[in-house]
Every structure is written in C-alpha cells, then in structure tokens.
Amino acid sequence: MLCNPEIKIKGVEGIISEIKLLNEPNFGESVKFKTLSPIIVRKPVEENGKLKARELYPIEREFYERLTKNS
C-alpha cells in the first residue's frame, strides 16, 4: 500500500501516509459492543414451494441463537 499510496473510495481520493499495526485487544469473559448500523438476522423459510428469507427480530429467541451461531 505504501508503494501505491493513492486510494479512492466512493469518489473521494486520498493518500495513505502511514500504516500501523495495532495490539490485539485483551477481551475478558464479557464484552459489550455497539454497532454503527442495525444487525439483521434472517432465516430461510419455504413459502409456496420456494425458499424465502424471513427476518427475525430481537424479541424472538431464535434471533440470538442464529446471531451467536452466525447461521
């Protein structure tokens, strides 16, 4: 990246001037994260012989099960 430091993201151009390696975070047993955008969890369901995606909501237990399993 430093050999070709020019970068363009969504029409905005910039130049990379520095790259740093960060230390790995030290997570304890419990960590709380905050997302910048909503989390969507869906599951496949059969409807009229076709597979469709059904969104799950945080009030549903399966929301957290699928979120944890990432399935």
Protein backbone atom coordinates (compact mmCIF):
# COMPACT_ATOMS: atom_id res chain seq x y z
CA MET A 1 0.00 0.00 0.00
CA LEU A 2 2.86 2.36 0.66
CA CYS A 3 4.28 1.64 -2.81
CA ASN A 4 0.98 2.81 -4.33
CA PRO A 5 -0.48 5.09 -1.64
CA GLU A 6 -3.30 6.60 -3.70
CA ILE A 7 -6.74 5.40 -2.67
CA LYS A 8 -10.25 6.21 -3.91
CA ILE A 9 -13.40 5.30 -2.02
CA LYS A 10 -16.80 6.31 -3.43
CA GLY A 11 -15.28 9.08 -5.49
CA VAL A 12 -13.22 10.50 -2.63
CA GLU A 13 -9.49 10.42 -3.27
CA GLY A 14 -6.80 10.24 -0.63
CA ILE A 15 -3.22 9.21 0.02
CA ILE A 16 -2.09 6.65 2.59
CA SER A 17 0.68 8.25 4.61
CA GLU A 18 1.13 5.69 7.39
CA ILE A 19 0.22 2.12 8.30
CA LYS A 20 0.22 0.97 11.92
CA LEU A 21 -0.19 -2.46 13.46
CA LEU A 22 -2.45 -2.36 16.49
CA ASN A 23 -2.05 -4.58 19.53
CA GLU A 24 -4.61 -7.33 19.85
CA PRO A 25 -7.35 -6.28 22.28
CA ASN A 26 -7.49 -8.11 25.60
CA PHE A 27 -11.12 -9.23 25.93
CA GLY A 28 -12.40 -10.52 29.24
CA GLU A 29 -15.21 -13.01 29.77
CA SER A 30 -17.86 -10.47 28.90
CA VAL A 31 -17.61 -7.73 26.28
CA LYS A 32 -20.24 -5.29 25.10
CA PHE A 33 -20.13 -3.98 21.52
CA LYS A 34 -22.14 -1.23 19.87
CA THR A 35 -22.78 -1.41 16.14
CA LEU A 36 -22.83 1.57 13.81
CA SER A 37 -25.61 0.04 11.73
CA PRO A 38 -28.52 -2.29 12.55
CA ILE A 39 -27.96 -6.04 12.74
CA ILE A 40 -30.25 -8.07 10.51
CA VAL A 41 -30.80 -11.78 11.15
CA ARG A 42 -32.72 -13.82 8.60
CA LYS A 43 -33.62 -17.46 8.21
CA PRO A 44 -34.73 -19.42 5.16
CA VAL A 45 -38.40 -20.46 5.09
CA GLU A 46 -40.31 -22.34 2.45
CA GLU A 47 -43.29 -20.47 1.04
CA ASN A 48 -45.33 -21.84 -1.87
CA GLY A 49 -42.53 -24.27 -2.73
CA LYS A 50 -39.87 -21.57 -2.81
CA LEU A 51 -37.23 -20.58 -0.28
CA LYS A 52 -37.55 -17.06 1.02
CA ALA A 53 -35.77 -15.11 3.74
CA ARG A 54 -37.71 -14.20 6.88
CA GLU A 55 -36.30 -11.53 9.15
CA LEU A 56 -36.03 -12.34 12.83
CA TYR A 57 -36.45 -9.69 15.50
CA PRO A 58 -34.70 -9.20 18.85
CA ILE A 59 -37.92 -10.18 20.67
CA GLU A 60 -37.53 -13.69 19.20
CA ARG A 61 -35.26 -16.21 20.91
CA GLU A 62 -34.06 -17.57 17.54
CA PHE A 63 -32.65 -14.11 16.69
CA TYR A 64 -29.96 -14.52 19.36
CA GLU A 65 -29.40 -18.22 18.62
CA ARG A 66 -28.73 -17.54 14.94
CA LEU A 67 -26.70 -14.45 15.70
CA THR A 68 -24.46 -16.44 18.05
CA LYS A 69 -24.08 -19.32 15.59
CA ASN A 70 -23.82 -16.94 12.62
CA SER A 71 -26.08 -19.27 10.64
